[in-house]
PDB file of all heavy atoms in Angstrom:
ATOM      1  N   GLY A   1     -42.941  64.133  67.023  1.00  0.00           N
ATOM      2  CA  GLY A   1     -43.682  62.902  67.255  1.00  0.00           C
ATOM      3  C   GLY A   1     -45.162  63.060  67.070  1.00  0.00           C
ATOM      4  O   GLY A   1     -45.868  62.064  67.088  1.00  0.00           O
ATOM      5  N   SER A   2     -45.637  64.258  66.889  1.00  0.00           N
ATOM      6  CA  SER A   2     -47.076  64.427  66.740  1.00  0.00           C
ATOM      7  C   SER A   2     -47.556  64.029  65.320  1.00  0.00           C
ATOM      8  O   SER A   2     -46.785  64.120  64.368  1.00  0.00           O
ATOM      9  CB  SER A   2     -47.481  65.890  66.989  1.00  0.00           C
ATOM     10  OG  SER A   2     -46.842  66.722  66.047  1.00  0.00           O
ATOM     11  N   THR A   3     -48.779  63.545  65.226  1.00  0.00           N
ATOM     12  CA  THR A   3     -49.342  63.180  63.943  1.00  0.00           C
ATOM     13  C   THR A   3     -50.608  63.939  63.674  1.00  0.00           C
ATOM     14  O   THR A   3     -51.257  64.398  64.594  1.00  0.00           O
ATOM     15  CB  THR A   3     -49.647  61.657  63.864  1.00  0.00           C
ATOM     16  OG1 THR A   3     -50.530  61.326  64.946  1.00  0.00           O
ATOM     17  CG2 THR A   3     -48.382  60.827  64.010  1.00  0.00           C
ATOM     18  N   ASN A   4     -50.968  64.040  62.371  1.00  0.00           N
ATOM     19  CA  ASN A   4     -52.151  64.805  62.000  1.00  0.00           C
ATOM     20  C   ASN A   4     -52.779  64.000  60.825  1.00  0.00           C
ATOM     21  O   ASN A   4     -52.062  63.633  59.884  1.00  0.00           O
ATOM     22  CB  ASN A   4     -51.773  66.195  61.572  1.00  0.00           C
ATOM     23  CG  ASN A   4     -52.953  67.026  61.192  1.00  0.00           C
ATOM     24  OD1 ASN A   4     -54.032  66.911  61.783  1.00  0.00           O
ATOM     25  ND2 ASN A   4     -52.783  67.849  60.145  1.00  0.00           N
ATOM     26  N   TYR A   5     -54.067  63.808  60.891  1.00  0.00           N
ATOM     27  CA  TYR A   5     -54.797  63.078  59.835  1.00  0.00           C
ATOM     28  C   TYR A   5     -55.933  63.916  59.320  1.00  0.00           C
ATOM     29  O   TYR A   5     -56.591  64.656  60.056  1.00  0.00           O
ATOM     30  CB  TYR A   5     -55.350  61.759  60.349  1.00  0.00           C
ATOM     31  CG  TYR A   5     -54.335  60.724  60.781  1.00  0.00           C
ATOM     32  CD1 TYR A   5     -53.838  60.686  62.056  1.00  0.00           C
ATOM     33  CD2 TYR A   5     -53.851  59.829  59.838  1.00  0.00           C
ATOM     34  CE1 TYR A   5     -52.914  59.708  62.418  1.00  0.00           C
ATOM     35  CE2 TYR A   5     -52.934  58.867  60.177  1.00  0.00           C
ATOM     36  CZ  TYR A   5     -52.441  58.825  61.485  1.00  0.00           C
ATOM     37  OH  TYR A   5     -51.530  57.852  61.827  1.00  0.00           O
ATOM     38  N   ALA A   6     -56.205  63.731  58.033  1.00  0.00           N
ATOM     39  CA  ALA A   6     -57.452  64.303  57.481  1.00  0.00           C
ATOM     40  C   ALA A   6     -58.639  63.629  58.100  1.00  0.00           C
ATOM     41  O   ALA A   6     -58.564  62.411  58.417  1.00  0.00           O
ATOM     42  CB  ALA A   6     -57.481  64.104  55.981  1.00  0.00           C
ATOM     43  N   GLU A   7     -59.707  64.363  58.352  1.00  0.00           N
ATOM     44  CA  GLU A   7     -60.880  63.768  58.959  1.00  0.00           C
ATOM     45  C   GLU A   7     -61.404  62.563  58.223  1.00  0.00           C
ATOM     46  O   GLU A   7     -61.911  61.585  58.813  1.00  0.00           O
ATOM     47  CB  GLU A   7     -61.986  64.860  59.076  1.00  0.00           C
ATOM     48  CG  GLU A   7     -61.747  65.901  60.165  1.00  0.00           C
ATOM     49  CD  GLU A   7     -61.791  65.311  61.537  1.00  0.00           C
ATOM     50  OE1 GLU A   7     -62.569  64.339  61.778  1.00  0.00           O
ATOM     51  OE2 GLU A   7     -61.060  65.800  62.434  1.00  0.00           O
ATOM     52  N   SER A   8     -61.307  62.611  56.917  1.00  0.00           N
ATOM     53  CA  SER A   8     -61.864  61.543  56.091  1.00  0.00           C
ATOM     54  C   SER A   8     -61.115  60.207  56.218  1.00  0.00           C
ATOM     55  O   SER A   8     -61.656  59.180  55.795  1.00  0.00           O
ATOM     56  CB  SER A   8     -61.880  61.973  54.597  1.00  0.00           C
ATOM     57  OG  SER A   8     -60.533  62.242  54.164  1.00  0.00           O
ATOM     58  N   VAL A   9     -59.943  60.239  56.796  1.00  0.00           N
ATOM     59  CA  VAL A   9     -59.144  58.989  56.887  1.00  0.00           C
ATOM     60  C   VAL A   9     -58.894  58.557  58.327  1.00  0.00           C
ATOM     61  O   VAL A   9     -58.340  57.500  58.579  1.00  0.00           O
ATOM     62  CB  VAL A   9     -57.795  59.093  56.140  1.00  0.00           C
ATOM     63  CG1 VAL A   9     -58.018  59.545  54.697  1.00  0.00           C
ATOM     64  CG2 VAL A   9     -56.825  59.994  56.889  1.00  0.00           C
ATOM     65  N   LYS A  10     -59.316  59.368  59.265  1.00  0.00           N
ATOM     66  CA  LYS A  10     -59.118  59.022  60.698  1.00  0.00           C
ATOM     67  C   LYS A  10     -59.744  57.693  61.024  1.00  0.00           C
ATOM     68  O   LYS A  10     -60.903  57.432  60.631  1.00  0.00           O
ATOM     69  CB  LYS A  10     -59.668  60.146  61.576  1.00  0.00           C
ATOM     70  CG  LYS A  10     -58.802  61.365  61.735  1.00  0.00           C
ATOM     71  CD  LYS A  10     -59.354  62.333  62.719  1.00  0.00           C
ATOM     72  CE  LYS A  10     -58.473  63.572  62.820  1.00  0.00           C
ATOM     73  NZ  LYS A  10     -59.010  64.573  63.761  1.00  0.00           N
ATOM     74  N   GLY A  11     -58.984  56.865  61.707  1.00  0.00           N
ATOM     75  CA  GLY A  11     -59.486  55.568  62.096  1.00  0.00           C
ATOM     76  C   GLY A  11     -59.263  54.463  61.054  1.00  0.00           C
ATOM     77  O   GLY A  11     -59.462  53.319  61.318  1.00  0.00           O
ATOM     78  N   ARG A  12     -58.890  54.878  59.867  1.00  0.00           N
ATOM     79  CA  ARG A  12     -58.662  53.908  58.752  1.00  0.00           C
ATOM     80  C   ARG A  12     -57.213  53.914  58.275  1.00  0.00           C
ATOM     81  O   ARG A  12     -56.723  52.832  57.877  1.00  0.00           O
ATOM     82  CB  ARG A  12     -59.551  54.290  57.551  1.00  0.00           C
ATOM     83  CG  ARG A  12     -61.039  54.282  57.839  1.00  0.00           C
ATOM     84  CD  ARG A  12     -61.863  54.439  56.568  1.00  0.00           C
ATOM     85  NE  ARG A  12     -61.632  55.706  55.888  1.00  0.00           N
ATOM     86  CZ  ARG A  12     -61.234  55.816  54.658  1.00  0.00           C
ATOM     87  NH1 ARG A  12     -60.982  54.731  53.910  1.00  0.00           N
ATOM     88  NH2 ARG A  12     -61.015  57.020  54.080  1.00  0.00           N
ATOM     89  N   PHE A  13     -56.566  55.064  58.303  1.00  0.00           N
ATOM     90  CA  PHE A  13     -55.152  55.140  57.831  1.00  0.00           C
ATOM     91  C   PHE A  13     -54.212  55.376  59.025  1.00  0.00           C
ATOM     92  O   PHE A  13     -54.598  56.058  59.979  1.00  0.00           O
ATOM     93  CB  PHE A  13     -55.038  56.340  56.886  1.00  0.00           C
ATOM     94  CG  PHE A  13     -55.683  56.157  55.552  1.00  0.00           C
ATOM     95  CD1 PHE A  13     -56.572  55.156  55.267  1.00  0.00           C
ATOM     96  CD2 PHE A  13     -55.428  57.090  54.531  1.00  0.00           C
ATOM     97  CE1 PHE A  13     -57.195  55.019  54.054  1.00  0.00           C
ATOM     98  CE2 PHE A  13     -56.018  56.953  53.261  1.00  0.00           C
ATOM     99  CZ  PHE A  13     -56.925  55.941  53.041  1.00  0.00           C
ATOM    100  N   THR A  14     -53.023  54.859  58.918  1.00  0.00           N
ATOM    101  CA  THR A  14     -52.006  55.044  59.952  1.00  0.00           C
ATOM    102  C   THR A  14     -50.668  55.389  59.289  1.00  0.00           C
ATOM    103  O   THR A  14     -50.222  54.635  58.404  1.00  0.00           O
ATOM    104  CB  THR A  14     -51.851  53.797  60.797  1.00  0.00           C
ATOM    105  OG1 THR A  14     -53.103  53.436  61.374  1.00  0.00           O
ATOM    106  CG2 THR A  14     -50.844  54.052  61.920  1.00  0.00           C
ATOM    107  N   ILE A  15     -50.098  56.481  59.730  1.00  0.00           N
ATOM    108  CA  ILE A  15     -48.774  56.889  59.239  1.00  0.00           C
ATOM    109  C   ILE A  15     -47.736  56.420  60.211  1.00  0.00           C
ATOM    110  O   ILE A  15     -47.929  56.461  61.440  1.00  0.00           O
ATOM    111  CB  ILE A  15     -48.694  58.400  59.011  1.00  0.00           C
ATOM    112  CG1 ILE A  15     -47.416  58.798  58.265  1.00  0.00           C
ATOM    113  CG2 ILE A  15     -48.852  59.154  60.318  1.00  0.00           C
ATOM    114  CD1 ILE A  15     -47.390  60.258  57.827  1.00  0.00           C
ATOM    115  N   SER A  16     -46.606  55.943  59.714  1.00  0.00           N
ATOM    116  CA  SER A  16     -45.515  55.468  60.573  1.00  0.00           C
ATOM    117  C   SER A  16     -44.222  55.562  59.793  1.00  0.00           C
ATOM    118  O   SER A  16     -44.197  55.874  58.581  1.00  0.00           O
ATOM    119  CB  SER A  16     -45.733  54.046  61.007  1.00  0.00           C
ATOM    120  OG  SER A  16     -45.708  53.164  59.889  1.00  0.00           O
ATOM    121  N   SER A  17     -43.120  55.403  60.532  1.00  0.00           N
ATOM    122  CA  SER A  17     -41.819  55.524  59.862  1.00  0.00           C
ATOM    123  C   SER A  17     -40.837  54.496  60.446  1.00  0.00           C
ATOM    124  O   SER A  17     -41.000  54.031  61.587  1.00  0.00           O
ATOM    125  CB  SER A  17     -41.261  56.923  59.990  1.00  0.00           C
ATOM    126  OG  SER A  17     -41.088  57.261  61.348  1.00  0.00           O
ATOM    127  N   ASP A  18     -39.846  54.203  59.675  1.00  0.00           N
ATOM    128  CA  ASP A  18     -38.724  53.355  60.125  1.00  0.00           C
ATOM    129  C   ASP A  18     -37.466  54.132  59.843  1.00  0.00           C
ATOM    130  O   ASP A  18     -36.992  54.222  58.698  1.00  0.00           O
ATOM    131  CB  ASP A  18     -38.703  52.014  59.354  1.00  0.00           C
ATOM    132  CG  ASP A  18     -37.683  51.056  59.875  1.00  0.00           C
ATOM    133  OD1 ASP A  18     -36.585  51.528  60.406  1.00  0.00           O
ATOM    134  OD2 ASP A  18     -37.884  49.827  59.754  1.00  0.00           O
ATOM    135  N   ASN A  19     -36.931  54.794  60.860  1.00  0.00           N
ATOM    136  CA  ASN A  19     -35.797  55.672  60.687  1.00  0.00           C
ATOM    137  C   ASN A  19     -34.544  54.908  60.189  1.00  0.00           C
ATOM    138  O   ASN A  19     -33.779  55.458  59.416  1.00  0.00           O
ATOM    139  CB  ASN A  19     -35.460  56.382  61.995  1.00  0.00           C
ATOM    140  CG  ASN A  19     -36.568  57.330  62.429  1.00  0.00           C
ATOM    141  OD1 ASN A  19     -37.423  57.732  61.610  1.00  0.00           O
ATOM    142  ND2 ASN A  19     -36.580  57.677  63.683  1.00  0.00           N
ATOM    143  N   ALA A  20     -34.434  53.677  60.602  1.00  0.00           N
ATOM    144  CA  ALA A  20     -33.241  52.919  60.169  1.00  0.00           C
ATOM    145  C   ALA A  20     -33.257  52.622  58.666  1.00  0.00           C
ATOM    146  O   ALA A  20     -32.204  52.470  58.032  1.00  0.00           O
ATOM    147  CB  ALA A  20     -33.169  51.614  60.949  1.00  0.00           C
ATOM    148  N   LYS A  21     -34.471  52.570  58.101  1.00  0.00           N
ATOM    149  CA  LYS A  21     -34.623  52.311  56.691  1.00  0.00           C
ATOM    150  C   LYS A  21     -34.944  53.588  55.900  1.00  0.00           C
ATOM    151  O   LYS A  21     -35.177  53.522  54.703  1.00  0.00           O
ATOM    152  CB  LYS A  21     -35.732  51.316  56.467  1.00  0.00           C
ATOM    153  CG  LYS A  21     -35.460  49.913  57.042  1.00  0.00           C
ATOM    154  CD  LYS A  21     -36.608  48.963  56.746  1.00  0.00           C
ATOM    155  CE  LYS A  21     -36.320  47.595  57.298  1.00  0.00           C
ATOM    156  NZ  LYS A  21     -37.426  46.634  57.021  1.00  0.00           N
ATOM    157  N   ASN A  22     -34.957  54.718  56.570  1.00  0.00           N
ATOM    158  CA  ASN A  22     -35.290  56.004  55.900  1.00  0.00           C
ATOM    159  C   ASN A  22     -36.581  55.913  55.145  1.00  0.00           C
ATOM    160  O   ASN A  22     -36.681  56.388  54.014  1.00  0.00           O
ATOM    161  CB  ASN A  22     -34.148  56.416  54.954  1.00  0.00           C
ATOM    162  CG  ASN A  22     -32.839  56.757  55.682  1.00  0.00           C
ATOM    163  OD1 ASN A  22     -32.859  57.117  56.847  1.00  0.00           O
ATOM    164  ND2 ASN A  22     -31.730  56.597  55.013  1.00  0.00           N
ATOM    165  N   THR A  23     -37.540  55.281  55.732  1.00  0.00           N
ATOM    166  CA  THR A  23     -38.794  54.997  55.055  1.00  0.00           C
ATOM    167  C   THR A  23     -40.021  55.463  55.839  1.00  0.00           C
ATOM    168  O   THR A  23     -40.061  55.274  57.044  1.00  0.00           O
ATOM    169  CB  THR A  23     -38.942  53.469  54.788  1.00  0.00           C
ATOM    170  OG1 THR A  23     -37.805  53.041  54.016  1.00  0.00           O
ATOM    171  CG2 THR A  23     -40.204  53.151  54.041  1.00  0.00           C
ATOM    172  N   LEU A  24     -40.945  56.057  55.116  1.00  0.00           N
ATOM    173  CA  LEU A  24     -42.233  56.531  55.641  1.00  0.00           C
ATOM    174  C   LEU A  24     -43.294  55.590  55.066  1.00  0.00           C
ATOM    175  O   LEU A  24     -43.212  55.193  53.917  1.00  0.00           O
ATOM    176  CB  LEU A  24     -42.516  57.913  55.229  1.00  0.00           C
ATOM    177  CG  LEU A  24     -43.757  58.567  55.742  1.00  0.00           C
ATOM    178  CD1 LEU A  24     -43.635  58.909  57.255  1.00  0.00           C
ATOM    179  CD2 LEU A  24     -44.112  59.852  54.946  1.00  0.00           C
ATOM    180  N   TYR A  25     -44.276  55.227  55.912  1.00  0.00           N
ATOM    181  CA  TYR A  25     -45.314  54.305  55.480  1.00  0.00           C
ATOM    182  C   TYR A  25     -46.719  54.974  55.663  1.00  0.00           C
ATOM    183  O   TYR A  25     -46.868  55.900  56.478  1.00  0.00           O
ATOM    184  CB  TYR A  25     -45.320  53.001  56.309  1.00  0.00           C
ATOM    185  CG  TYR A  25     -44.021  52.241  56.240  1.00  0.00           C
ATOM    186  CD1 TYR A  25     -43.072  52.291  57.276  1.00  0.00           C
ATOM    187  CD2 TYR A  25     -43.768  51.444  55.145  1.00  0.00           C
ATOM    188  CE1 TYR A  25     -41.925  51.594  57.211  1.00  0.00           C
ATOM    189  CE2 TYR A  25     -42.567  50.702  55.071  1.00  0.00           C
ATOM    190  CZ  TYR A  25     -41.627  50.800  56.109  1.00  0.00           C
ATOM    191  OH  TYR A  25     -40.474  50.093  56.013  1.00  0.00           O
ATOM    192  N   LEU A  26     -47.628  54.438  54.887  1.00  0.00           N
ATOM    193  CA  LEU A  26     -49.034  54.810  55.121  1.00  0.00           C
ATOM    194  C   LEU A  26     -49.846  53.512  55.005  1.00  0.00           C
ATOM    195  O   LEU A  26     -49.931  52.933  53.855  1.00  0.00           O
ATOM    196  CB  LEU A  26     -49.555  55.825  54.098  1.00  0.00           C
ATOM    197  CG  LEU A  26     -50.984  56.306  54.368  1.00  0.00           C
ATOM    198  CD1 LEU A  26     -51.050  57.129  55.629  1.00  0.00           C
ATOM    199  CD2 LEU A  26     -51.487  57.165  53.129  1.00  0.00           C
ATOM    200  N   GLN A  27     -50.314  53.011  56.113  1.00  0.00           N
ATOM    201  CA  GLN A  27     -51.171  51.852  56.079  1.00  0.00           C
ATOM    202  C   GLN A  27     -52.622  52.276  55.901  1.00  0.00           C
ATOM    203  O   GLN A  27     -53.114  53.100  56.662  1.00  0.00           O
ATOM    204  CB  GLN A  27     -51.059  51.060  57.402  1.00  0.00           C
ATOM    205  CG  GLN A  27     -51.971  49.826  57.523  1.00  0.00           C
ATOM    206  CD  GLN A  27     -51.565  48.748  56.529  1.00  0.00           C
ATOM    207  OE1 GLN A  27     -50.447  48.462  56.359  1.00  0.00           O
ATOM    208  NE2 GLN A  27     -52.563  48.174  55.860  1.00  0.00           N
ATOM    209  N   MET A  28     -53.249  51.801  54.838  1.00  0.00           N
ATOM    210  CA  MET A  28     -54.589  52.230  54.493  1.00  0.00           C
ATOM    211  C   MET A  28     -55.537  51.024  54.579  1.00  0.00           C
ATOM    212  O   MET A  28     -55.333  50.037  53.825  1.00  0.00           O
ATOM    213  CB  MET A  28     -54.602  52.807  53.099  1.00  0.00           C
ATOM    214  CG  MET A  28     -53.614  53.958  52.868  1.00  0.00           C
ATOM    215  SD  MET A  28     -53.773  54.754  51.272  1.00  0.00           S
ATOM    216  CE  MET A  28     -53.292  53.367  50.209  1.00  0.00           C
ATOM    217  N   ASN A  29     -56.480  51.094  55.461  1.00  0.00           N
ATOM    218  CA  ASN A  29     -57.447  50.029  55.694  1.00  0.00           C
ATOM    219  C   ASN A  29     -58.864  50.559  55.374  1.00  0.00           C
ATOM    220  O   ASN A  29     -59.098  51.741  55.278  1.00  0.00           O
ATOM    221  CB  ASN A  29     -57.442  49.515  57.112  1.00  0.00           C
ATOM    222  CG  ASN A  29     -56.074  48.964  57.499  1.00  0.00           C
ATOM    223  OD1 ASN A  29     -55.352  48.349  56.648  1.00  0.00           O
ATOM    224  ND2 ASN A  29     -55.681  49.067  58.768  1.00  0.00           N
ATOM    225  N   SER A  30     -59.774  49.623  55.157  1.00  0.00           N
ATOM    226  CA  SER A  30     -61.139  49.948  54.870  1.00  0.00           C
ATOM    227  C   SER A  30     -61.241  50.978  53.743  1.00  0.00           C
ATOM    228  O   SER A  30     -61.974  51.984  53.867  1.00  0.00           O
ATOM    229  CB  SER A  30     -61.870  50.475  56.159  1.00  0.00           C
ATOM    230  OG  SER A  30     -61.785  49.531  57.167  1.00  0.00           O
ATOM    231  N   LEU A  31     -60.572  50.760  52.690  1.00  0.00           N
ATOM    232  CA  LEU A  31     -60.505  51.672  51.598  1.00  0.00           C
ATOM    233  C   LEU A  31     -61.856  51.842  50.947  1.00  0.00           C
ATOM    234  O   LEU A  31     -62.642  50.934  50.788  1.00  0.00           O
ATOM    235  CB  LEU A  31     -59.455  51.233  50.562  1.00  0.00           C
ATOM    236  CG  LEU A  31     -57.994  51.550  51.000  1.00  0.00           C
ATOM    237  CD1 LEU A  31     -57.030  50.694  50.183  1.00  0.00           C
ATOM    238  CD2 LEU A  31     -57.701  53.025  50.861  1.00  0.00           C
ATOM    239  N   LYS A  32     -62.080  53.116  50.491  1.00  0.00           N
ATOM    240  CA  LYS A  32     -63.320  53.511  49.852  1.00  0.00           C
ATOM    241  C   LYS A  32     -63.051  54.001  48.433  1.00  0.00           C
ATOM    242  O   LYS A  32     -61.939  54.492  48.203  1.00  0.00           O
ATOM    243  CB  LYS A  32     -64.033  54.563  50.649  1.00  0.00           C
ATOM    244  CG  LYS A  32     -64.260  54.239  52.096  1.00  0.00           C
ATOM    245  CD  LYS A  32     -64.853  55.454  52.875  1.00  0.00           C
ATOM    246  CE  LYS A  32     -65.110  55.109  54.319  1.00  0.00           C
ATOM    247  NZ  LYS A  32     -65.681  56.294  55.057  1.00  0.00           N
ATOM    248  N   PRO A  33     -64.016  53.954  47.559  1.00  0.00           N
ATOM    249  CA  PRO A  33     -63.794  54.515  46.193  1.00  0.00           C
ATOM    250  C   PRO A  33     -63.323  55.976  46.233  1.00  0.00           C
ATOM    251  O   PRO A  33     -62.500  56.350  45.371  1.00  0.00           O
ATOM    252  CB  PRO A  33     -65.140  54.401  45.549  1.00  0.00           C
ATOM    253  CG  PRO A  33     -65.777  53.166  46.256  1.00  0.00           C
ATOM    254  CD  PRO A  33     -65.291  53.292  47.646  1.00  0.00           C
ATOM    255  N   GLU A  34     -63.754  56.749  47.217  1.00  0.00           N
ATOM    256  CA  GLU A  34     -63.375  58.152  47.271  1.00  0.00           C
ATOM    257  C   GLU A  34     -61.886  58.325  47.735  1.00  0.00           C
ATOM    258  O   GLU A  34     -61.383  59.429  47.732  1.00  0.00           O
ATOM    259  CB  GLU A  34     -64.298  58.911  48.182  1.00  0.00           C
ATOM    260  CG  GLU A  34     -64.510  58.322  49.555  1.00  0.00           C
ATOM    261  CD  GLU A  34     -65.777  57.513  49.637  1.00  0.00           C
ATOM    262  OE1 GLU A  34     -66.079  56.742  48.668  1.00  0.00           O
ATOM    263  OE2 GLU A  34     -66.506  57.619  50.666  1.00  0.00           O
ATOM    264  N   ASP A  35     -61.240  57.243  48.086  1.00  0.00           N
ATOM    265  CA  ASP A  35     -59.767  57.309  48.368  1.00  0.00           C
ATOM    266  C   ASP A  35     -58.939  57.240  47.096  1.00  0.00           C
ATOM    267  O   ASP A  35     -57.746  57.343  47.190  1.00  0.00           O
ATOM    268  CB  ASP A  35     -59.402  56.152  49.313  1.00  0.00           C
ATOM    269  CG  ASP A  35     -60.019  56.266  50.707  1.00  0.00           C
ATOM    270  OD1 ASP A  35     -60.075  57.420  51.231  1.00  0.00           O
ATOM    271  OD2 ASP A  35     -60.501  55.200  51.258  1.00  0.00           O
ATOM    272  N   THR A  36     -59.600  56.970  45.979  1.00  0.00           N
ATOM    273  CA  THR A  36     -58.893  56.878  44.725  1.00  0.00           C
ATOM    274  C   THR A  36     -58.177  58.212  44.419  1.00  0.00           C
ATOM    275  O   THR A  36     -58.849  59.258  44.375  1.00  0.00           O
ATOM    276  CB  THR A  36     -59.857  56.516  43.565  1.00  0.00           C
ATOM    277  OG1 THR A  36     -60.366  55.216  43.820  1.00  0.00           O
ATOM    278  CG2 THR A  36     -59.176  56.543  42.205  1.00  0.00           C
ATOM    279  N   ALA A  37     -56.880  58.146  44.178  1.00  0.00           N
ATOM    280  CA  ALA A  37     -56.092  59.337  43.926  1.00  0.00           C
ATOM    281  C   ALA A  37     -54.660  58.941  43.680  1.00  0.00           C
ATOM    282  O   ALA A  37     -54.268  57.798  43.863  1.00  0.00           O
ATOM    283  CB  ALA A  37     -56.161  60.301  45.127  1.00  0.00           C
ATOM    284  N   VAL A  38     -53.876  59.884  43.256  1.00  0.00           N
ATOM    285  CA  VAL A  38     -52.423  59.756  43.264  1.00  0.00           C
ATOM    286  C   VAL A  38     -51.944  60.217  44.597  1.00  0.00           C
ATOM    287  O   VAL A  38     -52.272  61.289  45.067  1.00  0.00           O
ATOM    288  CB  VAL A  38     -51.718  60.565  42.129  1.00  0.00           C
ATOM    289  CG1 VAL A  38     -50.234  60.416  42.260  1.00  0.00           C
ATOM    290  CG2 VAL A  38     -52.260  60.117  40.787  1.00  0.00           C
ATOM    291  N   TYR A  39     -51.142  59.350  45.270  1.00  0.00           N
ATOM    292  CA  TYR A  39     -50.639  59.663  46.593  1.00  0.00           C
ATOM    293  C   TYR A  39     -49.177  60.068  46.504  1.00  0.00           C
ATOM    294  O   TYR A  39     -48.354  59.373  45.895  1.00  0.00           O
ATOM    295  CB  TYR A  39     -50.798  58.423  47.511  1.00  0.00           C
ATOM    296  CG  TYR A  39     -52.207  58.238  47.948  1.00  0.00           C
ATOM    297  CD1 TYR A  39     -53.227  57.821  47.073  1.00  0.00           C
ATOM    298  CD2 TYR A  39     -52.572  58.492  49.317  1.00  0.00           C
ATOM    299  CE1 TYR A  39     -54.537  57.692  47.488  1.00  0.00           C
ATOM    300  CE2 TYR A  39     -53.923  58.307  49.697  1.00  0.00           C
ATOM    301  CZ  TYR A  39     -54.845  57.903  48.802  1.00  0.00           C
ATOM    302  OH  TYR A  39     -56.172  57.763  49.215  1.00  0.00           O
ATOM    303  N   TYR A  40     -48.888  61.156  47.156  1.00  0.00           N
ATOM    304  CA  TYR A  40     -47.514  61.752  47.108  1.00  0.00           C
ATOM    305  C   TYR A  40     -46.904  61.760  48.486  1.00  0.00           C
ATOM    306  O   TYR A  40     -47.536  62.132  49.461  1.00  0.00           O
ATOM    307  CB  TYR A  40     -47.600  63.190  46.578  1.00  0.00           C
ATOM    308  CG  TYR A  40     -48.061  63.316  45.166  1.00  0.00           C
ATOM    309  CD1 TYR A  40     -49.395  63.527  44.904  1.00  0.00           C
ATOM    310  CD2 TYR A  40     -47.160  63.286  44.093  1.00  0.00           C
ATOM    311  CE1 TYR A  40     -49.867  63.667  43.600  1.00  0.00           C
ATOM    312  CE2 TYR A  40     -47.639  63.421  42.806  1.00  0.00           C
ATOM    313  CZ  TYR A  40     -48.973  63.622  42.580  1.00  0.00           C
ATOM    314  OH  TYR A  40     -49.432  63.758  41.268  1.00  0.00           O
ATOM    315  N   CYS A  41     -45.621  61.401  48.520  1.00  0.00           N
ATOM    316  CA  CYS A  41     -44.833  61.579  49.741  1.00  0.00           C
ATOM    317  C   CYS A  41     -44.280  62.958  49.780  1.00  0.00           C
ATOM    318  O   CYS A  41     -43.857  63.535  48.771  1.00  0.00           O
ATOM    319  CB  CYS A  41     -43.744  60.519  49.723  1.00  0.00           C
ATOM    320  SG  CYS A  41     -42.669  60.547  51.151  1.00  0.00           S
ATOM    321  N   HIS A  42     -44.245  63.533  50.982  1.00  0.00           N
ATOM    322  CA  HIS A  42     -43.745  64.890  51.141  1.00  0.00           C
ATOM    323  C   HIS A  42     -42.805  64.978  52.338  1.00  0.00           C
ATOM    324  O   HIS A  42     -43.048  64.331  53.347  1.00  0.00           O
ATOM    325  CB  HIS A  42     -44.949  65.865  51.381  1.00  0.00           C
ATOM    326  CG  HIS A  42     -44.562  67.252  51.783  1.00  0.00           C
ATOM    327  ND1 HIS A  42     -44.643  67.679  53.073  1.00  0.00           N
ATOM    328  CD2 HIS A  42     -44.118  68.295  51.054  1.00  0.00           C
ATOM    329  CE1 HIS A  42     -44.235  68.934  53.156  1.00  0.00           C
ATOM    330  NE2 HIS A  42     -43.915  69.328  51.908  1.00  0.00           N
ATOM    331  N   ALA A  43     -41.781  65.804  52.217  1.00  0.00           N
ATOM    332  CA  ALA A  43     -40.865  66.054  53.348  1.00  0.00           C
ATOM    333  C   ALA A  43     -40.549  67.508  53.402  1.00  0.00           C
ATOM    334  O   ALA A  43     -40.464  68.229  52.374  1.00  0.00           O
ATOM    335  CB  ALA A  43     -39.567  65.254  53.210  1.00  0.00           C
ATOM    336  N   ASN A  44     -40.388  68.012  54.610  1.00  0.00           N
ATOM    337  CA  ASN A  44     -40.086  69.426  54.827  1.00  0.00           C
ATOM    338  C   ASN A  44     -38.994  69.596  55.864  1.00  0.00           C
ATOM    339  O   ASN A  44     -39.072  68.919  56.915  1.00  0.00           O
ATOM    340  CB  ASN A  44     -41.388  70.123  55.270  1.00  0.00           C
ATOM    341  CG  ASN A  44     -41.120  71.544  55.702  1.00  0.00           C
ATOM    342  OD1 ASN A  44     -40.825  71.806  56.880  1.00  0.00           O
ATOM    343  ND2 ASN A  44     -41.178  72.480  54.769  1.00  0.00           N
ATOM    344  N   ASN A  45     -38.014  70.385  55.529  1.00  0.00           N
ATOM    345  CA  ASN A  45     -36.976  70.696  56.525  1.00  0.00           C
ATOM    346  C   ASN A  45     -36.991  72.154  56.918  1.00  0.00           C
ATOM    347  O   ASN A  45     -35.974  72.714  57.263  1.00  0.00           O
ATOM    348  CB  ASN A  45     -35.627  70.244  56.017  1.00  0.00           C
ATOM    349  CG  ASN A  45     -35.166  71.070  54.812  1.00  0.00           C
ATOM    350  OD1 ASN A  45     -35.884  71.956  54.381  1.00  0.00           O
ATOM    351  ND2 ASN A  45     -33.994  70.787  54.277  1.00  0.00           N
ATOM    352  N   ILE A  46     -38.157  72.716  56.850  1.00  0.00           N
ATOM    353  CA  ILE A  46     -38.457  74.156  57.203  1.00  0.00           C
ATOM    354  C   ILE A  46     -38.076  75.042  56.028  1.00  0.00           C
ATOM    355  O   ILE A  46     -38.890  75.890  55.606  1.00  0.00           O
ATOM    356  CB  ILE A  46     -37.797  74.609  58.488  1.00  0.00           C
ATOM    357  CG1 ILE A  46     -38.277  73.783  59.652  1.00  0.00           C
ATOM    358  CG2 ILE A  46     -38.075  76.124  58.729  1.00  0.00           C
ATOM    359  CD1 ILE A  46     -37.692  74.137  61.012  1.00  0.00           C
TER     360      ILE A  46
END
């Protein structure tokens, strides 16, 4: 249940999930030009 954010996005981005839909979300607010990038979803099972 713990979350971790890059310093540059703290307070602007929020990560969440819907287990019933097998879906991970990233809500991004107050976007800046420096947020421009390709965003990748990642999963790890150790």
